[in-house]
């Protein structure tokens, strides 16, 4: 049960944060005042996302008892989400180098989980 709760909360929180920053990078004027206004409007979403990430890590730690594994898995999720945001907002198609890098990360997760 903790695995699913952790995965869902991490996915929701990390996706929310990446959507906010991707939208800002693509659609918000880079000058200080418009960026500040956008960030202030996004504070409730950042709060919800940070709570989701925090509880996702907490539940993941309860599930596997290895903080390193949980944090590395969360970073891997974030990299996958970032690839998705690049495609969604910028229409960037991942190259073979991107997939190779994701494979290296996945291999690292497997190595961390082994005893």
C-alpha atoms as a PDB file:
ATOM      1  CA  UNK A   1       0.000   0.000   0.000  1.00  0.00           C
ATOM      2  CA  UNK A   2       2.797   2.420   0.889  1.00  0.00           C
ATOM      3  CA  UNK A   3       4.416   1.806  -2.509  1.00  0.00           C
ATOM      4  CA  UNK A   4       1.324   3.002  -4.366  1.00  0.00           C
ATOM      5  CA  UNK A   5       0.732   5.974  -2.075  1.00  0.00           C
ATOM      6  CA  UNK A   6       4.377   7.018  -2.362  1.00  0.00           C
ATOM      7  CA  UNK A   7       4.421   6.642  -6.139  1.00  0.00           C
ATOM      8  CA  UNK A   8       1.148   8.546  -6.593  1.00  0.00           C
ATOM      9  CA  UNK A   9       2.088  11.404  -4.283  1.00  0.00           C
ATOM     10  CA  UNK A  10       5.558  11.780  -5.784  1.00  0.00           C
ATOM     11  CA  UNK A  11       4.162  11.659  -9.305  1.00  0.00           C
ATOM     12  CA  UNK A  12       1.515  14.292  -8.518  1.00  0.00           C
ATOM     13  CA  UNK A  13       3.874  16.657  -6.701  1.00  0.00           C
ATOM     14  CA  UNK A  14       6.750  16.417  -9.156  1.00  0.00           C
ATOM     15  CA  UNK A  15       4.430  16.751 -12.143  1.00  0.00           C
ATOM     16  CA  UNK A  16       2.790  19.842 -10.647  1.00  0.00           C
ATOM     17  CA  UNK A  17       6.120  21.564 -10.032  1.00  0.00           C
ATOM     18  CA  UNK A  18       7.461  20.684 -13.478  1.00  0.00           C
ATOM     19  CA  UNK A  19       4.283  21.935 -15.164  1.00  0.00           C
ATOM     20  CA  UNK A  20       4.522  25.249 -13.296  1.00  0.00           C
ATOM     21  CA  UNK A  21       8.165  25.813 -14.271  1.00  0.00           C
ATOM     22  CA  UNK A  22       7.626  24.629 -17.845  1.00  0.00           C
ATOM     23  CA  UNK A  23       4.667  26.970 -18.245  1.00  0.00           C
ATOM     24  CA  UNK A  24       6.680  29.828 -16.756  1.00  0.00           C
ATOM     25  CA  UNK A  25       9.589  29.183 -19.096  1.00  0.00           C
ATOM     26  CA  UNK A  26       7.355  29.122 -22.160  1.00  0.00           C
ATOM     27  CA  UNK A  27       4.585  31.657 -21.448  1.00  0.00           C
ATOM     28  CA  UNK A  28       5.601  34.101 -18.679  1.00  0.00           C
ATOM     29  CA  UNK A  29       7.557  37.257 -19.485  1.00  0.00           C
ATOM     30  CA  UNK A  30      11.095  36.822 -18.072  1.00  0.00           C
ATOM     31  CA  UNK A  31      11.169  40.269 -16.487  1.00  0.00           C
ATOM     32  CA  UNK A  32      11.082  40.416 -12.693  1.00  0.00           C
ATOM     33  CA  UNK A  33       7.570  41.780 -12.013  1.00  0.00           C
ATOM     34  CA  UNK A  34       5.616  39.377 -14.263  1.00  0.00           C
ATOM     35  CA  UNK A  35       7.650  36.452 -12.946  1.00  0.00           C
ATOM     36  CA  UNK A  36       7.043  37.551  -9.345  1.00  0.00           C
ATOM     37  CA  UNK A  37       3.289  37.877  -9.960  1.00  0.00           C
ATOM     38  CA  UNK A  38       3.174  34.415 -11.522  1.00  0.00           C
ATOM     39  CA  UNK A  39       5.177  32.866  -8.672  1.00  0.00           C
ATOM     40  CA  UNK A  40       2.936  34.481  -6.052  1.00  0.00           C
ATOM     41  CA  UNK A  41      -0.152  33.109  -7.806  1.00  0.00           C
ATOM     42  CA  UNK A  42       1.435  29.648  -7.840  1.00  0.00           C
ATOM     43  CA  UNK A  43       2.255  29.552  -4.102  1.00  0.00           C
ATOM     44  CA  UNK A  44      -0.817  27.427  -3.201  1.00  0.00           C
ATOM     45  CA  UNK A  45       0.086  24.913  -5.904  1.00  0.00           C
ATOM     46  CA  UNK A  46       3.704  24.841  -4.736  1.00  0.00           C
ATOM     47  CA  UNK A  47       2.499  24.200  -1.182  1.00  0.00           C
ATOM     48  CA  UNK A  48       0.313  21.303  -2.307  1.00  0.00           C
ATOM     49  CA  UNK A  49       3.097  19.907  -4.484  1.00  0.00           C
ATOM     50  CA  UNK A  50       5.673  20.131  -1.693  1.00  0.00           C
ATOM     51  CA  UNK A  51       3.297  18.394   0.720  1.00  0.00           C
ATOM     52  CA  UNK A  52       2.741  15.652  -1.851  1.00  0.00           C
ATOM     53  CA  UNK A  53       6.472  15.186  -2.368  1.00  0.00           C
ATOM     54  CA  UNK A  54       7.153  15.199   1.373  1.00  0.00           C
ATOM     55  CA  UNK A  55       4.517  12.581   2.106  1.00  0.00           C
ATOM     56  CA  UNK A  56       5.557  10.579  -0.946  1.00  0.00           C
ATOM     57  CA  UNK A  57       9.094  10.359   0.411  1.00  0.00           C
ATOM     58  CA  UNK A  58       7.805   9.554   3.895  1.00  0.00           C
ATOM     59  CA  UNK A  59       5.599   6.714   2.619  1.00  0.00           C
ATOM     60  CA  UNK A  60       8.375   5.468   0.341  1.00  0.00           C
ATOM     61  CA  UNK A  61      10.708   5.336   3.314  1.00  0.00           C
ATOM     62  CA  UNK A  62       8.128   3.327   5.260  1.00  0.00           C
ATOM     63  CA  UNK A  63       7.833   0.928   2.318  1.00  0.00           C
ATOM     64  CA  UNK A  64      11.520   0.232   1.611  1.00  0.00           C
ATOM     65  CA  UNK A  65      13.473   1.545   4.659  1.00  0.00           C
ATOM     66  CA  UNK A  66      16.147   3.048   2.374  1.00  0.00           C
ATOM     67  CA  UNK A  67      16.118   6.810   2.014  1.00  0.00           C
ATOM     68  CA  UNK A  68      18.741   6.741  -0.732  1.00  0.00           C
ATOM     69  CA  UNK A  69      16.617   4.454  -2.857  1.00  0.00           C
ATOM     70  CA  UNK A  70      13.502   6.595  -2.380  1.00  0.00           C
ATOM     71  CA  UNK A  71      15.319   9.804  -3.279  1.00  0.00           C
ATOM     72  CA  UNK A  72      17.013   8.264  -6.323  1.00  0.00           C
ATOM     73  CA  UNK A  73      13.684   6.825  -7.506  1.00  0.00           C
ATOM     74  CA  UNK A  74      12.086  10.261  -7.059  1.00  0.00           C
ATOM     75  CA  UNK A  75      14.859  11.864  -9.127  1.00  0.00           C
ATOM     76  CA  UNK A  76      14.361   9.252 -11.828  1.00  0.00           C
ATOM     77  CA  UNK A  77      10.646  10.051 -11.862  1.00  0.00           C
ATOM     78  CA  UNK A  78      11.480  13.738 -12.134  1.00  0.00           C
ATOM     79  CA  UNK A  79      13.791  13.141 -15.087  1.00  0.00           C
ATOM     80  CA  UNK A  80      11.038  11.184 -16.868  1.00  0.00           C
ATOM     81  CA  UNK A  81       8.542  13.937 -16.091  1.00  0.00           C
ATOM     82  CA  UNK A  82      11.009  16.541 -17.391  1.00  0.00           C
ATOM     83  CA  UNK A  83      11.337  14.650 -20.670  1.00  0.00           C
ATOM     84  CA  UNK A  84       7.537  14.658 -20.893  1.00  0.00           C
ATOM     85  CA  UNK A  85       7.351  18.392 -20.169  1.00  0.00           C
ATOM     86  CA  UNK A  86       9.956  19.072 -22.842  1.00  0.00           C
ATOM     87  CA  UNK A  87       7.787  17.271 -25.362  1.00  0.00           C
ATOM     88  CA  UNK A  88       4.529  18.824 -24.141  1.00  0.00           C
ATOM     89  CA  UNK A  89       5.657  22.448 -23.963  1.00  0.00           C
ATOM     90  CA  UNK A  90       8.533  22.624 -26.447  1.00  0.00           C
ATOM     91  CA  UNK A  91       7.790  19.677 -28.779  1.00  0.00           C
ATOM     92  CA  UNK A  92      11.294  18.313 -28.082  1.00  0.00           C
ATOM     93  CA  UNK A  93      11.721  14.705 -29.161  1.00  0.00           C
ATOM     94  CA  UNK A  94      14.149  12.806 -26.880  1.00  0.00           C
ATOM     95  CA  UNK A  95      17.257  11.592 -28.690  1.00  0.00           C
ATOM     96  CA  UNK A  96      19.004   8.263 -28.214  1.00  0.00           C
ATOM     97  CA  UNK A  97      21.349   9.990 -25.760  1.00  0.00           C
ATOM     98  CA  UNK A  98      18.396  10.889 -23.547  1.00  0.00           C
ATOM     99  CA  UNK A  99      17.164   7.294 -23.560  1.00  0.00           C
ATOM    100  CA  UNK A 100      20.685   6.046 -22.843  1.00  0.00           C
ATOM    101  CA  UNK A 101      20.918   8.411 -19.886  1.00  0.00           C
ATOM    102  CA  UNK A 102      17.576   7.210 -18.554  1.00  0.00           C
ATOM    103  CA  UNK A 103      18.816   3.643 -18.901  1.00  0.00           C
ATOM    104  CA  UNK A 104      21.914   4.478 -16.862  1.00  0.00           C
ATOM    105  CA  UNK A 105      19.694   6.003 -14.163  1.00  0.00           C
ATOM    106  CA  UNK A 106      17.464   2.906 -14.152  1.00  0.00           C
ATOM    107  CA  UNK A 107      20.540   0.680 -13.832  1.00  0.00           C
ATOM    108  CA  UNK A 108      21.665   2.816 -10.904  1.00  0.00           C
ATOM    109  CA  UNK A 109      18.331   2.319  -9.178  1.00  0.00           C
ATOM    110  CA  UNK A 110      18.638  -1.433  -9.584  1.00  0.00           C
ATOM    111  CA  UNK A 111      22.195  -1.345  -8.192  1.00  0.00           C
ATOM    112  CA  UNK A 112      21.122   0.728  -5.172  1.00  0.00           C
ATOM    113  CA  UNK A 113      18.326  -1.697  -4.349  1.00  0.00           C
ATOM    114  CA  UNK A 114      20.634  -4.747  -4.431  1.00  0.00           C
ATOM    115  CA  UNK A 115      22.306  -5.773  -1.200  1.00  0.00           C
END
